Amino acid sequence: MTHDFALVRHCGSLVEAGFIKSVLEAEGIDVQIPDEHTVGMNPGYTNMLGGVRVLVHSDQLERANEVLRTAEPAPEPSNE
């Protein structure tokens, strides 16, 4: 059985992509970071690649976006 993968996020660093991967995998979502080894060997390639891609199975994309929306920190309240 083959799966098509869909882009869930572009990240500015491998650390950020790894964090997103761990959040999604904790929810049972299969995650791939195809640029992991390239950027790991030379972080300078991150900008050239347009960021580190985080991919999920296309049939899990909606759920992955939902998980990431709820995992994002709430904005700081203003003191106005």
PDB file of N, CA and C in Angstrom:
ATOM      1  N   MET A   1       0.847  -1.178   0.000  1.00  0.00           N
ATOM      2  CA  MET A   1       0.000   0.000   0.000  1.00  0.00           C
ATOM      3  C   MET A   1       0.891   1.239   0.000  1.00  0.00           C
ATOM      4  N   THR A   2       0.656   2.138  -0.943  1.00  0.00           N
ATOM      5  CA  THR A   2       1.451   3.360  -1.009  1.00  0.00           C
ATOM      6  C   THR A   2       0.612   4.536  -0.524  1.00  0.00           C
ATOM      7  N   HIS A   3       1.302   5.511   0.008  1.00  0.00           N
ATOM      8  CA  HIS A   3       0.647   6.718   0.487  1.00  0.00           C
ATOM      9  C   HIS A   3       1.245   7.913  -0.222  1.00  0.00           C
ATOM     10  N   ASP A   4       0.391   8.865  -0.536  1.00  0.00           N
ATOM     11  CA  ASP A   4       0.878  10.146  -1.017  1.00  0.00           C
ATOM     12  C   ASP A   4       1.131  11.002   0.208  1.00  0.00           C
ATOM     13  N   PHE A   5       2.211  11.752   0.163  1.00  0.00           N
ATOM     14  CA  PHE A   5       2.527  12.637   1.270  1.00  0.00           C
ATOM     15  C   PHE A   5       2.163  14.062   0.911  1.00  0.00           C
ATOM     16  N   ALA A   6       1.790  14.827   1.929  1.00  0.00           N
ATOM     17  CA  ALA A   6       1.403  16.223   1.754  1.00  0.00           C
ATOM     18  C   ALA A   6       2.212  17.076   2.722  1.00  0.00           C
ATOM     19  N   LEU A   7       2.524  18.274   2.287  1.00  0.00           N
ATOM     20  CA  LEU A   7       3.281  19.205   3.110  1.00  0.00           C
ATOM     21  C   LEU A   7       2.385  19.759   4.213  1.00  0.00           C
ATOM     22  N   VAL A   8       2.829  19.607   5.451  1.00  0.00           N
ATOM     23  CA  VAL A   8       2.077  20.163   6.570  1.00  0.00           C
ATOM     24  C   VAL A   8       2.733  21.445   7.083  1.00  0.00           C
ATOM     25  N   ARG A   9       4.074  21.553   6.970  1.00  0.00           N
ATOM     26  CA  ARG A   9       4.782  22.758   7.405  1.00  0.00           C
ATOM     27  C   ARG A   9       6.131  22.872   6.701  1.00  0.00           C
ATOM     28  N   HIS A  10       6.547  24.118   6.483  1.00  0.00           N
ATOM     29  CA  HIS A  10       7.933  24.456   6.147  1.00  0.00           C
ATOM     30  C   HIS A  10       8.511  25.033   7.426  1.00  0.00           C
ATOM     31  N   CYS A  11       9.659  24.580   7.853  1.00  0.00           N
ATOM     32  CA  CYS A  11      10.265  25.054   9.095  1.00  0.00           C
ATOM     33  C   CYS A  11      11.577  25.761   8.797  1.00  0.00           C
ATOM     34  N   GLY A  12      11.931  26.672   9.688  1.00  0.00           N
ATOM     35  CA  GLY A  12      13.166  27.423   9.532  1.00  0.00           C
ATOM     36  C   GLY A  12      14.395  26.690  10.015  1.00  0.00           C
ATOM     37  N   SER A  13      14.197  25.582  10.699  1.00  0.00           N
ATOM     38  CA  SER A  13      15.349  24.821  11.199  1.00  0.00           C
ATOM     39  C   SER A  13      14.955  23.358  11.374  1.00  0.00           C
ATOM     40  N   LEU A  14      15.980  22.540  11.457  1.00  0.00           N
ATOM     41  CA  LEU A  14      15.771  21.114  11.686  1.00  0.00           C
ATOM     42  C   LEU A  14      15.216  20.873  13.087  1.00  0.00           C
ATOM     43  N   VAL A  15      15.613  21.707  14.041  1.00  0.00           N
ATOM     44  CA  VAL A  15      15.102  21.581  15.413  1.00  0.00           C
ATOM     45  C   VAL A  15      13.594  21.820  15.434  1.00  0.00           C
ATOM     46  N   GLU A  16      13.139  22.853  14.755  1.00  0.00           N
ATOM     47  CA  GLU A  16      11.703  23.141  14.688  1.00  0.00           C
ATOM     48  C   GLU A  16      10.948  21.998  14.008  1.00  0.00           C
ATOM     49  N   ALA A  17      11.502  21.488  12.915  1.00  0.00           N
ATOM     50  CA  ALA A  17      10.867  20.378  12.199  1.00  0.00           C
ATOM     51  C   ALA A  17      10.800  19.141  13.096  1.00  0.00           C
ATOM     52  N   GLY A  18      11.859  18.888  13.849  1.00  0.00           N
ATOM     53  CA  GLY A  18      11.872  17.748  14.763  1.00  0.00           C
ATOM     54  C   GLY A  18      10.826  17.887  15.860  1.00  0.00           C
ATOM     55  N   PHE A  19      10.639  19.106  16.349  1.00  0.00           N
ATOM     56  CA  PHE A  19       9.616  19.342  17.372  1.00  0.00           C
ATOM     57  C   PHE A  19       8.226  19.060  16.804  1.00  0.00           C
ATOM     58  N   ILE A  20       7.954  19.565  15.618  1.00  0.00           N
ATOM     59  CA  ILE A  20       6.658  19.330  14.981  1.00  0.00           C
ATOM     60  C   ILE A  20       6.455  17.841  14.738  1.00  0.00           C
ATOM     61  N   LYS A  21       7.501  17.172  14.299  1.00  0.00           N
ATOM     62  CA  LYS A  21       7.419  15.719  14.077  1.00  0.00           C
ATOM     63  C   LYS A  21       7.053  15.004  15.373  1.00  0.00           C
ATOM     64  N   SER A  22       7.688  15.376  16.483  1.00  0.00           N
ATOM     65  CA  SER A  22       7.398  14.691  17.752  1.00  0.00           C
ATOM     66  C   SER A  22       5.974  14.953  18.220  1.00  0.00           C
ATOM     67  N   VAL A  23       5.472  16.168  18.021  1.00  0.00           N
ATOM     68  CA  VAL A  23       4.086  16.494  18.400  1.00  0.00           C
ATOM     69  C   VAL A  23       3.113  15.633  17.597  1.00  0.00           C
ATOM     70  N   LEU A  24       3.345  15.556  16.295  1.00  0.00           N
ATOM     71  CA  LEU A  24       2.438  14.785  15.434  1.00  0.00           C
ATOM     72  C   LEU A  24       2.533  13.284  15.695  1.00  0.00           C
ATOM     73  N   GLU A  25       3.749  12.782  15.879  1.00  0.00           N
ATOM     74  CA  GLU A  25       3.895  11.345  16.146  1.00  0.00           C
ATOM     75  C   GLU A  25       3.265  10.953  17.474  1.00  0.00           C
ATOM     76  N   ALA A  26       3.258  11.855  18.439  1.00  0.00           N
ATOM     77  CA  ALA A  26       2.608  11.574  19.720  1.00  0.00           C
ATOM     78  C   ALA A  26       1.103  11.381  19.536  1.00  0.00           C
ATOM     79  N   GLU A  27       0.574  11.921  18.456  1.00  0.00           N
ATOM     80  CA  GLU A  27      -0.846  11.771  18.135  1.00  0.00           C
ATOM     81  C   GLU A  27      -1.093  10.630  17.148  1.00  0.00           C
ATOM     82  N   GLY A  28      -0.061   9.842  16.872  1.00  0.00           N
ATOM     83  CA  GLY A  28      -0.212   8.689  15.991  1.00  0.00           C
ATOM     84  C   GLY A  28      -0.165   9.023  14.508  1.00  0.00           C
ATOM     85  N   ILE A  29       0.361  10.184  14.163  1.00  0.00           N
ATOM     86  CA  ILE A  29       0.434  10.606  12.767  1.00  0.00           C
ATOM     87  C   ILE A  29       1.831  10.296  12.242  1.00  0.00           C
ATOM     88  N   ASP A  30       1.893   9.620  11.097  1.00  0.00           N
ATOM     89  CA  ASP A  30       3.173   9.272  10.474  1.00  0.00           C
ATOM     90  C   ASP A  30       3.759  10.526   9.823  1.00  0.00           C
ATOM     91  N   VAL A  31       5.023  10.814  10.111  1.00  0.00           N
ATOM     92  CA  VAL A  31       5.666  12.048   9.655  1.00  0.00           C
ATOM     93  C   VAL A  31       6.979  11.719   8.947  1.00  0.00           C
ATOM     94  N   GLN A  32       7.264  12.450   7.891  1.00  0.00           N
ATOM     95  CA  GLN A  32       8.532  12.337   7.174  1.00  0.00           C
ATOM     96  C   GLN A  32       9.170  13.723   7.091  1.00  0.00           C
ATOM     97  N   ILE A  33      10.481  13.774   7.254  1.00  0.00           N
ATOM     98  CA  ILE A  33      11.249  15.004   7.043  1.00  0.00           C
ATOM     99  C   ILE A  33      12.279  14.662   5.965  1.00  0.00           C
ATOM    100  N   PRO A  34      11.908  14.851   4.686  1.00  0.00           N
ATOM    101  CA  PRO A  34      12.783  14.392   3.606  1.00  0.00           C
ATOM    102  C   PRO A  34      14.109  15.139   3.519  1.00  0.00           C
ATOM    103  N   ASP A  35      14.188  16.336   4.067  1.00  0.00           N
ATOM    104  CA  ASP A  35      15.417  17.128   3.997  1.00  0.00           C
ATOM    105  C   ASP A  35      16.297  16.942   5.231  1.00  0.00           C
ATOM    106  N   GLU A  36      15.926  16.025   6.109  1.00  0.00           N
ATOM    107  CA  GLU A  36      16.595  15.865   7.393  1.00  0.00           C
ATOM    108  C   GLU A  36      18.103  15.641   7.265  1.00  0.00           C
ATOM    109  N   HIS A  37      18.517  14.754   6.432  1.00  0.00           N
ATOM    110  CA  HIS A  37      19.946  14.437   6.326  1.00  0.00           C
ATOM    111  C   HIS A  37      20.715  15.538   5.593  1.00  0.00           C
ATOM    112  N   THR A  38      20.103  16.104   4.573  1.00  0.00           N
ATOM    113  CA  THR A  38      20.753  17.186   3.825  1.00  0.00           C
ATOM    114  C   THR A  38      21.016  18.382   4.725  1.00  0.00           C
ATOM    115  N   VAL A  39      19.995  18.819   5.439  1.00  0.00           N
ATOM    116  CA  VAL A  39      20.128  19.973   6.323  1.00  0.00           C
ATOM    117  C   VAL A  39      20.972  19.621   7.548  1.00  0.00           C
ATOM    118  N   GLY A  40      20.900  18.381   7.983  1.00  0.00           N
ATOM    119  CA  GLY A  40      21.715  17.948   9.108  1.00  0.00           C
ATOM    120  C   GLY A  40      23.198  18.016   8.797  1.00  0.00           C
ATOM    121  N   MET A  41      23.562  17.718   7.573  1.00  0.00           N
ATOM    122  CA  MET A  41      24.972  17.771   7.164  1.00  0.00           C
ATOM    123  C   MET A  41      25.427  19.199   6.898  1.00  0.00           C
ATOM    124  N   ASN A  42      24.518  20.040   6.397  1.00  0.00           N
ATOM    125  CA  ASN A  42      24.871  21.424   6.096  1.00  0.00           C
ATOM    126  C   ASN A  42      23.649  22.312   6.315  1.00  0.00           C
ATOM    127  N   PRO A  43      23.509  22.896   7.510  1.00  0.00           N
ATOM    128  CA  PRO A  43      22.350  23.741   7.807  1.00  0.00           C
ATOM    129  C   PRO A  43      22.194  24.920   6.851  1.00  0.00           C
ATOM    130  N   GLY A  44      23.256  25.307   6.168  1.00  0.00           N
ATOM    131  CA  GLY A  44      23.168  26.392   5.196  1.00  0.00           C
ATOM    132  C   GLY A  44      22.230  26.089   4.038  1.00  0.00           C
ATOM    133  N   TYR A  45      21.951  24.809   3.816  1.00  0.00           N
ATOM    134  CA  TYR A  45      21.037  24.433   2.735  1.00  0.00           C
ATOM    135  C   TYR A  45      19.574  24.740   3.072  1.00  0.00           C
ATOM    136  N   THR A  46      19.281  25.031   4.321  1.00  0.00           N
ATOM    137  CA  THR A  46      17.893  25.273   4.733  1.00  0.00           C
ATOM    138  C   THR A  46      17.244  26.353   3.879  1.00  0.00           C
ATOM    139  N   ASN A  47      17.896  27.496   3.736  1.00  0.00           N
ATOM    140  CA  ASN A  47      17.322  28.588   2.939  1.00  0.00           C
ATOM    141  C   ASN A  47      17.237  28.220   1.469  1.00  0.00           C
ATOM    142  N   MET A  48      18.239  27.538   0.966  1.00  0.00           N
ATOM    143  CA  MET A  48      18.242  27.137  -0.435  1.00  0.00           C
ATOM    144  C   MET A  48      17.050  26.219  -0.748  1.00  0.00           C
ATOM    145  N   LEU A  49      16.706  25.379   0.213  1.00  0.00           N
ATOM    146  CA  LEU A  49      15.583  24.453   0.020  1.00  0.00           C
ATOM    147  C   LEU A  49      14.230  25.089   0.303  1.00  0.00           C
ATOM    148  N   GLY A  50      14.238  26.316   0.802  1.00  0.00           N
ATOM    149  CA  GLY A  50      12.971  26.971   1.150  1.00  0.00           C
ATOM    150  C   GLY A  50      12.453  26.527   2.501  1.00  0.00           C
ATOM    151  N   GLY A  51      13.339  26.042   3.337  1.00  0.00           N
ATOM    152  CA  GLY A  51      12.954  25.555   4.662  1.00  0.00           C
ATOM    153  C   GLY A  51      12.982  24.038   4.709  1.00  0.00           C
ATOM    154  N   VAL A  52      12.814  23.525   5.901  1.00  0.00           N
ATOM    155  CA  VAL A  52      12.796  22.082   6.107  1.00  0.00           C
ATOM    156  C   VAL A  52      11.347  21.615   5.986  1.00  0.00           C
ATOM    157  N   ARG A  53      11.089  20.728   5.049  1.00  0.00           N
ATOM    158  CA  ARG A  53       9.719  20.248   4.818  1.00  0.00           C
ATOM    159  C   ARG A  53       9.335  19.171   5.826  1.00  0.00           C
ATOM    160  N   VAL A  54       8.115  19.300   6.335  1.00  0.00           N
ATOM    161  CA  VAL A  54       7.525  18.272   7.205  1.00  0.00           C
ATOM    162  C   VAL A  54       6.315  17.730   6.452  1.00  0.00           C
ATOM    163  N   LEU A  55       6.326  16.440   6.182  1.00  0.00           N
ATOM    164  CA  LEU A  55       5.272  15.805   5.391  1.00  0.00           C
ATOM    165  C   LEU A  55       4.507  14.784   6.218  1.00  0.00           C
ATOM    166  N   VAL A  56       3.224  14.647   5.902  1.00  0.00           N
ATOM    167  CA  VAL A  56       2.373  13.621   6.507  1.00  0.00           C
ATOM    168  C   VAL A  56       1.615  12.931   5.379  1.00  0.00           C
ATOM    169  N   HIS A  57       1.062  11.763   5.685  1.00  0.00           N
ATOM    170  CA  HIS A  57       0.209  11.107   4.687  1.00  0.00           C
ATOM    171  C   HIS A  57      -0.938  12.058   4.337  1.00  0.00           C
ATOM    172  N   SER A  58      -1.257  12.140   3.061  1.00  0.00           N
ATOM    173  CA  SER A  58      -2.282  13.091   2.615  1.00  0.00           C
ATOM    174  C   SER A  58      -3.618  12.863   3.311  1.00  0.00           C
ATOM    175  N   ASP A  59      -3.925  11.616   3.665  1.00  0.00           N
ATOM    176  CA  ASP A  59      -5.194  11.368   4.344  1.00  0.00           C
ATOM    177  C   ASP A  59      -5.146  11.763   5.827  1.00  0.00           C
ATOM    178  N   GLN A  60      -3.972  12.161   6.325  1.00  0.00           N
ATOM    179  CA  GLN A  60      -3.842  12.616   7.713  1.00  0.00           C
ATOM    180  C   GLN A  60      -3.573  14.122   7.799  1.00  0.00           C
ATOM    181  N   LEU A  61      -3.572  14.812   6.655  1.00  0.00           N
ATOM    182  CA  LEU A  61      -3.228  16.234   6.627  1.00  0.00           C
ATOM    183  C   LEU A  61      -4.171  17.087   7.469  1.00  0.00           C
ATOM    184  N   GLU A  62      -5.452  16.881   7.335  1.00  0.00           N
ATOM    185  CA  GLU A  62      -6.427  17.675   8.094  1.00  0.00           C
ATOM    186  C   GLU A  62      -6.227  17.483   9.596  1.00  0.00           C
ATOM    187  N   ARG A  63      -6.065  16.256  10.012  1.00  0.00           N
ATOM    188  CA  ARG A  63      -5.837  15.964  11.444  1.00  0.00           C
ATOM    189  C   ARG A  63      -4.524  16.579  11.922  1.00  0.00           C
ATOM    190  N   ALA A  64      -3.482  16.503  11.112  1.00  0.00           N
ATOM    191  CA  ALA A  64      -2.185  17.079  11.481  1.00  0.00           C
ATOM    192  C   ALA A  64      -2.297  18.586  11.675  1.00  0.00           C
ATOM    193  N   ASN A  65      -2.987  19.263  10.772  1.00  0.00           N
ATOM    194  CA  ASN A  65      -3.169  20.711  10.915  1.00  0.00           C
ATOM    195  C   ASN A  65      -3.951  21.044  12.180  1.00  0.00           C
ATOM    196  N   GLU A  66      -4.946  20.236  12.490  1.00  0.00           N
ATOM    197  CA  GLU A  66      -5.740  20.441  13.703  1.00  0.00           C
ATOM    198  C   GLU A  66      -4.864  20.288  14.953  1.00  0.00           C
ATOM    199  N   VAL A  67      -4.045  19.246  14.970  1.00  0.00           N
ATOM    200  CA  VAL A  67      -3.141  19.012  16.112  1.00  0.00           C
ATOM    201  C   VAL A  67      -2.179  20.187  16.273  1.00  0.00           C
ATOM    202  N   LEU A  68      -1.612  20.661  15.168  1.00  0.00           N
ATOM    203  CA  LEU A  68      -0.650  21.755  15.252  1.00  0.00           C
ATOM    204  C   LEU A  68      -1.314  23.068  15.659  1.00  0.00           C
ATOM    205  N   ARG A  69      -2.539  23.292  15.241  1.00  0.00           N
ATOM    206  CA  ARG A  69      -3.267  24.508  15.675  1.00  0.00           C
ATOM    207  C   ARG A  69      -3.454  24.505  17.181  1.00  0.00           C
ATOM    208  N   THR A  70      -3.802  23.370  17.742  1.00  0.00           N
ATOM    209  CA  THR A  70      -4.028  23.301  19.187  1.00  0.00           C
ATOM    210  C   THR A  70      -2.728  23.282  19.971  1.00  0.00           C
ATOM    211  N   ALA A  71      -1.613  22.923  19.319  1.00  0.00           N
ATOM    212  CA  ALA A  71      -0.319  22.868  20.005  1.00  0.00           C
ATOM    213  C   ALA A  71       0.398  24.212  20.004  1.00  0.00           C
ATOM    214  N   GLU A  72      -0.043  25.144  19.148  1.00  0.00           N
ATOM    215  CA  GLU A  72       0.611  26.449  19.089  1.00  0.00           C
ATOM    216  C   GLU A  72       0.297  27.240  20.347  1.00  0.00           C
ATOM    217  N   PRO A  73       1.296  27.947  20.875  1.00  0.00           N
ATOM    218  CA  PRO A  73       1.053  28.733  22.084  1.00  0.00           C
ATOM    219  C   PRO A  73       0.071  29.869  21.823  1.00  0.00           C
ATOM    220  N   ALA A  74      -0.729  30.163  22.828  1.00  0.00           N
ATOM    221  CA  ALA A  74      -1.681  31.271  22.715  1.00  0.00           C
ATOM    222  C   ALA A  74      -0.902  32.589  22.746  1.00  0.00           C
ATOM    223  N   PRO A  75      -1.405  33.615  22.046  1.00  0.00           N
ATOM    224  CA  PRO A  75      -0.729  34.896  22.073  1.00  0.00           C
ATOM    225  C   PRO A  75      -0.695  35.484  23.478  1.00  0.00           C
ATOM    226  N   GLU A  76       0.381  36.211  23.767  1.00  0.00           N
ATOM    227  CA  GLU A  76       0.510  36.860  25.071  1.00  0.00           C
ATOM    228  C   GLU A  76      -0.555  37.948  25.203  1.00  0.00           C
ATOM    229  N   PRO A  77      -1.188  38.045  26.370  1.00  0.00           N
ATOM    230  CA  PRO A  77      -2.178  39.129  26.552  1.00  0.00           C
ATOM    231  C   PRO A  77      -1.458  40.469  26.590  1.00  0.00           C
ATOM    232  N   SER A  78      -2.090  41.477  26.013  1.00  0.00           N
ATOM    233  CA  SER A  78      -1.479  42.805  26.017  1.00  0.00           C
ATOM    234  C   SER A  78      -1.772  43.495  27.350  1.00  0.00           C
ATOM    235  N   ASN A  79      -0.920  44.421  27.714  1.00  0.00           N
ATOM    236  CA  ASN A  79      -1.073  45.154  28.976  1.00  0.00           C
ATOM    237  C   ASN A  79      -1.795  46.469  28.779  1.00  0.00           C
ATOM    238  N   GLU A  80      -2.539  46.580  27.723  1.00  0.00           N
ATOM    239  CA  GLU A  80      -3.257  47.839  27.443  1.00  0.00           C
ATOM    240  C   GLU A  80      -4.541  47.925  28.211  1.00  0.00           C
TER     241      GLU A  80
END
